[in-house]
Amino acid sequence: MWNDLLLPGVPYLEKIIRTLAVYFFLLLGLRLAGKRELGQFNPYDLVVLLLLSNTVQNSIIGNDNSLTGGLFGAAVLLAFNYFTVRFLYRHPTLDRLAEGDCDVLIENGVLQEKALAEELITLPELESAARRQGIPSLDDVEEARIEVGGALTFVQKKPTEDQLRHEALVDRLSRLEDQLQRIEGRLARS
């Protein structure tokens, strides 16, 4: 029993190679699948990501069901990711090459339908993301982007001077109407 639990069924070097091969395969696969996979999950995306981990499990551990072998594979994966993230932080050009750039989905208030199609983001999904950020309508959006990590970010339009003046006039008229009603009420009581 202890042998099955503690002695790995696959040599450590093979386990390192297997782990790194799966790491690079998934990194490339997710990069090619697009930013949406990373930050904007729909039920289909979530199912695929959950199944990916189970699908590649045996590729990492091979014919090894030992506790030591599994923990070693996980340690290799975590350590490699730790060093990769720090390396890319110090080399922003390589990081941008690996992760790509953000994509603009709305620019100067104009919907970029080609960018939406490339990222496989539907108009209802974009509208929903805007509402989650407190923006009631895409008409109120100056710019929308899908960031490198897959998050959707929005910049609201700033009101024009005419709109600000209009709001101020409506506010003043409303206050005048309230004052007029109070005066009429006083006159009616006298």
Protein backbone atom coordinates (compact mmCIF):
# COMPACT_ATOMS: atom_id res chain seq x y z
CA MET A 1 0.00 0.00 0.00
CA TRP A 2 2.76 2.49 0.94
CA ASN A 3 4.56 1.76 -2.32
CA ASP A 4 1.46 2.67 -4.37
CA LEU A 5 0.92 5.75 -2.28
CA LEU A 6 4.45 7.15 -2.12
CA LEU A 7 6.48 5.75 -5.02
CA PRO A 8 5.75 7.45 -8.33
CA GLY A 9 4.87 5.20 -11.27
CA VAL A 10 6.57 7.52 -13.76
CA PRO A 11 10.12 8.92 -13.55
CA TYR A 12 10.32 12.52 -12.31
CA LEU A 13 11.94 13.78 -15.52
CA GLU A 14 9.10 12.32 -17.59
CA LYS A 15 6.59 13.95 -15.25
CA ILE A 16 8.31 17.35 -15.69
CA ILE A 17 8.23 16.99 -19.49
CA ARG A 18 4.59 15.88 -19.47
CA THR A 19 3.53 18.75 -17.19
CA LEU A 20 5.30 21.43 -19.23
CA ALA A 21 4.01 20.02 -22.52
CA VAL A 22 0.41 20.17 -21.25
CA TYR A 23 1.02 23.66 -19.80
CA PHE A 24 2.21 25.03 -23.14
CA PHE A 25 -0.52 23.22 -25.08
CA LEU A 26 -3.27 24.70 -22.88
CA LEU A 27 -1.66 28.14 -22.90
CA LEU A 28 -1.53 28.13 -26.69
CA GLY A 29 -5.02 26.63 -27.00
CA LEU A 30 -6.61 29.21 -24.72
CA ARG A 31 -4.72 32.01 -26.48
CA LEU A 32 -6.00 30.84 -29.87
CA ALA A 33 -9.52 30.42 -28.49
CA GLY A 34 -9.58 34.13 -27.71
CA LYS A 35 -9.86 36.45 -24.75
CA ARG A 36 -13.48 35.58 -24.22
CA GLU A 37 -12.46 32.17 -22.85
CA LEU A 38 -10.60 33.83 -20.01
CA GLY A 39 -12.98 36.45 -18.77
CA GLN A 40 -16.47 36.19 -20.25
CA PHE A 41 -17.79 32.71 -19.50
CA ASN A 42 -21.06 31.50 -20.86
CA PRO A 43 -22.23 28.01 -19.79
CA TYR A 44 -20.55 26.35 -22.80
CA ASP A 45 -17.17 27.98 -22.08
CA LEU A 46 -17.35 26.95 -18.42
CA VAL A 47 -18.13 23.33 -19.29
CA VAL A 48 -15.19 23.21 -21.72
CA LEU A 49 -12.76 24.62 -19.15
CA LEU A 50 -13.95 22.18 -16.49
CA LEU A 51 -13.61 19.24 -18.87
CA LEU A 52 -10.15 20.38 -20.04
CA SER A 53 -8.66 19.76 -16.61
CA ASN A 54 -10.01 16.23 -16.52
CA THR A 55 -9.03 15.57 -20.14
CA VAL A 56 -5.37 16.45 -19.67
CA GLN A 57 -4.98 14.94 -16.20
CA ASN A 58 -3.62 11.64 -17.46
CA SER A 59 -1.32 13.45 -19.86
CA ILE A 60 0.38 15.05 -16.87
CA ILE A 61 0.49 12.09 -14.49
CA GLY A 62 0.76 9.25 -17.03
CA ASN A 63 0.31 5.80 -15.49
CA ASP A 64 1.01 7.22 -12.06
CA ASN A 65 -1.72 7.16 -9.44
CA SER A 66 0.60 7.78 -6.51
CA LEU A 67 0.14 10.69 -4.15
CA THR A 68 3.78 11.68 -4.58
CA GLY A 69 3.52 11.67 -8.37
CA GLY A 70 0.37 13.83 -8.36
CA LEU A 71 1.82 16.29 -5.87
CA PHE A 72 5.07 16.47 -7.82
CA GLY A 73 3.20 17.22 -11.07
CA ALA A 74 1.20 19.94 -9.31
CA ALA A 75 4.38 21.40 -7.79
CA VAL A 76 6.08 21.52 -11.20
CA LEU A 77 3.04 23.25 -12.68
CA LEU A 78 2.83 25.84 -9.88
CA ALA A 79 6.58 26.51 -9.83
CA PHE A 80 6.80 26.91 -13.59
CA ASN A 81 3.82 29.26 -13.62
CA TYR A 82 5.34 31.28 -10.75
CA PHE A 83 8.60 31.82 -12.64
CA THR A 84 6.86 32.42 -15.99
CA VAL A 85 4.63 35.17 -14.58
CA ARG A 86 7.61 36.90 -12.96
CA PHE A 87 9.72 36.58 -16.10
CA LEU A 88 6.97 38.08 -18.27
CA TYR A 89 6.46 40.90 -15.75
CA ARG A 90 10.09 41.91 -16.24
CA HIS A 91 9.82 41.57 -20.03
CA PRO A 92 6.69 43.48 -21.09
CA THR A 93 7.36 43.05 -24.81
CA LEU A 94 7.31 39.26 -24.44
CA ASP A 95 4.28 39.50 -22.18
CA ARG A 96 2.37 41.49 -24.81
CA LEU A 97 3.42 38.96 -27.45
CA ALA A 98 2.18 36.09 -25.26
CA GLU A 99 -1.06 37.73 -24.11
CA GLY A 100 -1.88 40.04 -27.01
CA ASP A 101 -3.50 43.46 -26.83
CA CYS A 102 -6.95 44.58 -25.86
CA ASP A 103 -9.59 44.91 -28.58
CA VAL A 104 -11.85 47.95 -28.92
CA LEU A 105 -15.52 46.96 -29.24
CA ILE A 106 -17.04 50.47 -29.17
CA GLU A 107 -14.99 53.45 -30.33
CA ASN A 108 -16.21 57.06 -30.14
CA GLY A 109 -19.69 55.70 -29.43
CA VAL A 110 -19.68 53.53 -32.58
CA LEU A 111 -20.13 49.77 -32.28
CA GLN A 112 -17.24 47.87 -33.91
CA GLU A 113 -19.15 44.88 -35.27
CA LYS A 114 -16.06 43.25 -36.80
CA ALA A 115 -14.31 43.23 -33.40
CA LEU A 116 -17.44 41.79 -31.73
CA ALA A 117 -17.57 39.03 -34.35
CA GLU A 118 -13.86 38.24 -33.93
CA GLU A 119 -14.30 37.92 -30.15
CA LEU A 120 -17.64 36.05 -30.53
CA ILE A 121 -19.42 38.54 -28.27
CA THR A 122 -23.09 39.09 -29.03
CA LEU A 123 -24.81 42.44 -28.66
CA PRO A 124 -26.97 41.15 -25.75
CA GLU A 125 -23.81 39.97 -23.94
CA LEU A 126 -22.19 43.38 -24.41
CA GLU A 127 -25.34 45.16 -23.21
CA SER A 128 -25.52 42.89 -20.16
CA ALA A 129 -21.87 43.60 -19.29
CA ALA A 130 -22.53 47.35 -19.59
CA ARG A 131 -25.53 47.12 -17.25
CA ARG A 132 -23.43 45.20 -14.70
CA GLN A 133 -21.10 48.21 -14.68
CA GLY A 134 -23.99 50.62 -14.12
CA ILE A 135 -24.40 51.80 -17.71
CA PRO A 136 -28.05 51.53 -18.74
CA SER A 137 -27.54 51.54 -22.51
CA LEU A 138 -24.78 51.17 -25.09
CA ASP A 139 -25.87 54.60 -26.35
CA ASP A 140 -24.19 55.96 -23.20
CA VAL A 141 -20.84 54.29 -24.00
CA GLU A 142 -17.94 56.23 -25.48
CA GLU A 143 -15.58 53.25 -25.55
CA ALA A 144 -15.75 49.54 -24.70
CA ARG A 145 -12.85 47.12 -24.71
CA ILE A 146 -12.17 43.51 -24.10
CA GLU A 147 -9.00 43.58 -22.04
CA VAL A 148 -6.10 41.15 -22.32
CA GLY A 149 -7.47 39.03 -19.47
CA GLY A 150 -10.94 38.89 -21.02
CA ALA A 151 -12.68 41.51 -18.88
CA LEU A 152 -15.03 43.95 -20.58
CA THR A 153 -14.47 47.58 -19.61
CA PHE A 154 -16.57 50.62 -20.50
CA VAL A 155 -16.03 54.38 -20.60
CA GLN A 156 -19.23 56.38 -20.37
CA LYS A 157 -19.90 59.32 -22.64
CA LYS A 158 -19.48 62.71 -21.02
CA PRO A 159 -22.49 65.00 -21.42
CA THR A 160 -22.11 67.84 -23.92
CA GLU A 161 -22.45 71.47 -22.88
CA ASP A 162 -25.90 71.57 -24.48
CA GLN A 163 -26.98 68.53 -22.48
CA LEU A 164 -25.66 70.06 -19.25
CA ARG A 165 -27.44 73.35 -20.00
CA HIS A 166 -30.65 71.46 -20.78
CA GLU A 167 -30.46 69.54 -17.49
CA ALA A 168 -29.84 72.78 -15.57
CA LEU A 169 -32.85 74.44 -17.23
CA VAL A 170 -35.11 71.46 -16.51
CA ASP A 171 -33.94 71.51 -12.89
CA ARG A 172 -34.64 75.25 -12.57
CA LEU A 173 -38.08 74.86 -14.16
CA SER A 174 -38.87 72.04 -11.77
CA ARG A 175 -37.91 74.20 -8.78
CA LEU A 176 -39.99 77.11 -10.12
CA GLU A 177 -42.95 74.79 -10.55
CA ASP A 178 -42.58 73.63 -6.92
CA GLN A 179 -42.43 77.24 -5.73
CA LEU A 180 -45.50 78.14 -7.80
CA GLN A 181 -47.46 75.23 -6.29
CA ARG A 182 -46.51 76.35 -2.74
CA ILE A 183 -47.61 79.92 -3.52
CA GLU A 184 -50.90 78.68 -4.97
CA GLY A 185 -51.41 76.55 -1.86
CA ARG A 186 -50.86 79.55 0.43
CA LEU A 187 -53.23 81.70 -1.61
CA ALA A 188 -55.90 79.01 -1.52
CA ARG A 189 -55.66 78.79 2.32
CA SER A 190 -55.97 82.58 2.80
